[in-house]
Amino acid sequence: MLHFVATHHARERARERFRWHPRTLCRMLERIFYFGIPPERCAGGLRAYLTAITDESAGGRVVLYGEQIFVFGRAEEAATAALLTVYPLPAAYRAKAHRARLRAIAHN
């Protein structure tokens, strides 16, 4: 089982961009990691956008959860996943993200 941590940068960005308290972010990390939508389950332009973020983050795991993008990486310990940063999803991709969530629900 993975242990989840948020870097100082990720906590600051979540507070700045989404007004999330650091405790809220820490409570949500496991849910975001396991129930978020990876780029492979998205289509078209949204997939390309998320894949570009993955390439920029040096191979980290990018997950779409709600209207936010979360970038995870591996911490020093092998059983730890660290949240590196968070981004808001651009408005142009929000409808596509909604359709990807509906497809993900239908497949489960």
C-alpha atoms as a PDB file:
ATOM      1  CA  MET A   1       0.000   0.000   0.000  1.00  0.00           C
ATOM      2  CA  LEU A   2       1.269   3.420  -0.903  1.00  0.00           C
ATOM      3  CA  HIS A   3       1.781   6.225   1.550  1.00  0.00           C
ATOM      4  CA  PHE A   4       0.807   9.652   0.198  1.00  0.00           C
ATOM      5  CA  VAL A   5       2.450  12.991   0.958  1.00  0.00           C
ATOM      6  CA  ALA A   6       2.055  16.471  -0.471  1.00  0.00           C
ATOM      7  CA  THR A   7       5.117  18.592  -1.067  1.00  0.00           C
ATOM      8  CA  HIS A   8       5.301  22.092   0.321  1.00  0.00           C
ATOM      9  CA  HIS A   9       4.868  23.443  -3.205  1.00  0.00           C
ATOM     10  CA  ALA A  10       1.719  21.346  -3.769  1.00  0.00           C
ATOM     11  CA  ARG A  11       0.192  22.532  -0.482  1.00  0.00           C
ATOM     12  CA  GLU A  12       0.890  26.156  -1.410  1.00  0.00           C
ATOM     13  CA  ARG A  13      -0.551  25.760  -4.928  1.00  0.00           C
ATOM     14  CA  ALA A  14      -3.696  24.010  -3.640  1.00  0.00           C
ATOM     15  CA  ARG A  15      -4.242  26.842  -1.170  1.00  0.00           C
ATOM     16  CA  GLU A  16      -3.578  29.511  -3.792  1.00  0.00           C
ATOM     17  CA  ARG A  17      -5.486  28.000  -6.717  1.00  0.00           C
ATOM     18  CA  PHE A  18      -8.380  26.138  -5.068  1.00  0.00           C
ATOM     19  CA  ARG A  19      -8.506  27.585  -1.534  1.00  0.00           C
ATOM     20  CA  TRP A  20      -7.962  24.087  -0.111  1.00  0.00           C
ATOM     21  CA  HIS A  21      -6.654  23.865   3.428  1.00  0.00           C
ATOM     22  CA  PRO A  22      -3.556  21.609   3.705  1.00  0.00           C
ATOM     23  CA  ARG A  23      -5.517  19.102   5.818  1.00  0.00           C
ATOM     24  CA  THR A  24      -8.159  18.887   3.089  1.00  0.00           C
ATOM     25  CA  LEU A  25      -5.493  18.170   0.509  1.00  0.00           C
ATOM     26  CA  CYS A  26      -3.868  15.450   2.648  1.00  0.00           C
ATOM     27  CA  ARG A  27      -7.249  13.835   3.286  1.00  0.00           C
ATOM     28  CA  MET A  28      -8.024  13.746  -0.451  1.00  0.00           C
ATOM     29  CA  LEU A  29      -4.689  12.418  -1.754  1.00  0.00           C
ATOM     30  CA  GLU A  30      -5.533   8.721  -1.683  1.00  0.00           C
ATOM     31  CA  ARG A  31      -8.935   9.296  -3.279  1.00  0.00           C
ATOM     32  CA  ILE A  32      -7.428  11.485  -5.998  1.00  0.00           C
ATOM     33  CA  PHE A  33      -4.662   8.978  -6.793  1.00  0.00           C
ATOM     34  CA  TYR A  34      -6.905   5.915  -7.033  1.00  0.00           C
ATOM     35  CA  PHE A  35     -10.157   7.382  -8.381  1.00  0.00           C
ATOM     36  CA  GLY A  36      -8.776  10.132 -10.607  1.00  0.00           C
ATOM     37  CA  ILE A  37      -8.767   9.739 -14.367  1.00  0.00           C
ATOM     38  CA  PRO A  38      -5.352   9.174 -16.009  1.00  0.00           C
ATOM     39  CA  PRO A  39      -4.617  10.514 -19.513  1.00  0.00           C
ATOM     40  CA  GLU A  40      -5.024   7.026 -21.020  1.00  0.00           C
ATOM     41  CA  ARG A  41      -8.741   7.056 -20.191  1.00  0.00           C
ATOM     42  CA  CYS A  42      -9.344  10.437 -21.842  1.00  0.00           C
ATOM     43  CA  ALA A  43      -9.922  11.136 -25.522  1.00  0.00           C
ATOM     44  CA  GLY A  44      -8.687  13.580 -28.126  1.00  0.00           C
ATOM     45  CA  GLY A  45      -7.425  16.984 -27.120  1.00  0.00           C
ATOM     46  CA  LEU A  46      -7.787  16.343 -23.400  1.00  0.00           C
ATOM     47  CA  ARG A  47      -5.544  13.284 -23.670  1.00  0.00           C
ATOM     48  CA  ALA A  48      -2.951  15.273 -25.619  1.00  0.00           C
ATOM     49  CA  TYR A  49      -3.042  18.084 -23.054  1.00  0.00           C
ATOM     50  CA  LEU A  50      -2.605  15.721 -20.087  1.00  0.00           C
ATOM     51  CA  THR A  51       0.115  13.765 -21.890  1.00  0.00           C
ATOM     52  CA  ALA A  52       2.022  17.005 -22.492  1.00  0.00           C
ATOM     53  CA  ILE A  53       1.873  17.720 -18.764  1.00  0.00           C
ATOM     54  CA  THR A  54       3.122  14.182 -18.092  1.00  0.00           C
ATOM     55  CA  ASP A  55       6.089  14.764 -20.404  1.00  0.00           C
ATOM     56  CA  GLU A  56       6.915  18.053 -18.660  1.00  0.00           C
ATOM     57  CA  SER A  57       6.781  16.453 -15.211  1.00  0.00           C
ATOM     58  CA  ALA A  58       9.566  13.979 -16.038  1.00  0.00           C
ATOM     59  CA  GLY A  59       7.402  10.891 -16.113  1.00  0.00           C
ATOM     60  CA  GLY A  60       5.250  11.615 -13.088  1.00  0.00           C
ATOM     61  CA  ARG A  61       1.682  10.369 -12.878  1.00  0.00           C
ATOM     62  CA  VAL A  62      -0.894  12.947 -13.955  1.00  0.00           C
ATOM     63  CA  VAL A  63      -4.445  12.477 -12.715  1.00  0.00           C
ATOM     64  CA  LEU A  64      -7.577  14.436 -13.516  1.00  0.00           C
ATOM     65  CA  TYR A  65      -9.965  14.741 -10.574  1.00  0.00           C
ATOM     66  CA  GLY A  66     -12.938  17.045 -10.864  1.00  0.00           C
ATOM     67  CA  GLU A  67     -11.746  20.165 -12.619  1.00  0.00           C
ATOM     68  CA  GLN A  68      -8.229  19.915 -11.260  1.00  0.00           C
ATOM     69  CA  ILE A  69      -5.050  18.273 -12.519  1.00  0.00           C
ATOM     70  CA  PHE A  70      -2.791  16.600  -9.957  1.00  0.00           C
ATOM     71  CA  VAL A  71       0.820  15.651 -10.714  1.00  0.00           C
ATOM     72  CA  PHE A  72       2.285  12.847  -8.599  1.00  0.00           C
ATOM     73  CA  GLY A  73       5.849  11.606  -8.456  1.00  0.00           C
ATOM     74  CA  ARG A  74       7.728   8.990  -6.457  1.00  0.00           C
ATOM     75  CA  ALA A  75       9.362  10.129  -3.242  1.00  0.00           C
ATOM     76  CA  GLU A  76      12.681   8.749  -1.999  1.00  0.00           C
ATOM     77  CA  GLU A  77      11.022   5.769  -0.355  1.00  0.00           C
ATOM     78  CA  ALA A  78       9.660   3.230  -2.824  1.00  0.00           C
ATOM     79  CA  ALA A  79       6.257   2.996  -1.128  1.00  0.00           C
ATOM     80  CA  THR A  80       5.564   6.741  -1.111  1.00  0.00           C
ATOM     81  CA  ALA A  81       3.779   8.798  -3.755  1.00  0.00           C
ATOM     82  CA  ALA A  82       4.307  12.546  -3.492  1.00  0.00           C
ATOM     83  CA  LEU A  83       1.945  15.151  -4.887  1.00  0.00           C
ATOM     84  CA  LEU A  84       4.201  17.583  -6.724  1.00  0.00           C
ATOM     85  CA  THR A  85       1.784  20.250  -7.903  1.00  0.00           C
ATOM     86  CA  VAL A  86      -1.821  20.978  -8.857  1.00  0.00           C
ATOM     87  CA  TYR A  87      -3.300  22.889 -11.792  1.00  0.00           C
ATOM     88  CA  PRO A  88      -6.810  24.037 -12.628  1.00  0.00           C
ATOM     89  CA  LEU A  89      -8.180  22.442 -15.780  1.00  0.00           C
ATOM     90  CA  PRO A  90      -8.520  25.034 -18.563  1.00  0.00           C
ATOM     91  CA  ALA A  91     -12.129  25.885 -19.406  1.00  0.00           C
ATOM     92  CA  ALA A  92     -11.722  24.580 -22.962  1.00  0.00           C
ATOM     93  CA  TYR A  93     -11.276  21.023 -21.615  1.00  0.00           C
ATOM     94  CA  ARG A  94     -13.957  20.951 -18.915  1.00  0.00           C
ATOM     95  CA  ALA A  95     -16.709  19.464 -21.091  1.00  0.00           C
ATOM     96  CA  LYS A  96     -14.309  16.771 -22.326  1.00  0.00           C
ATOM     97  CA  ALA A  97     -13.313  16.009 -18.723  1.00  0.00           C
ATOM     98  CA  HIS A  98     -16.976  15.649 -17.786  1.00  0.00           C
ATOM     99  CA  ARG A  99     -17.495  13.133 -20.613  1.00  0.00           C
ATOM    100  CA  ALA A 100     -14.372  11.225 -19.522  1.00  0.00           C
ATOM    101  CA  ARG A 101     -15.777  11.010 -15.967  1.00  0.00           C
ATOM    102  CA  LEU A 102     -19.083   9.681 -17.298  1.00  0.00           C
ATOM    103  CA  ARG A 103     -17.249   7.042 -19.367  1.00  0.00           C
ATOM    104  CA  ALA A 104     -15.160   6.067 -16.327  1.00  0.00           C
ATOM    105  CA  ILE A 105     -18.317   5.622 -14.239  1.00  0.00           C
ATOM    106  CA  ALA A 106     -19.931   3.528 -16.975  1.00  0.00           C
ATOM    107  CA  HIS A 107     -16.892   1.219 -17.129  1.00  0.00           C
ATOM    108  CA  ASN A 108     -16.928   0.541 -13.383  1.00  0.00           C
END
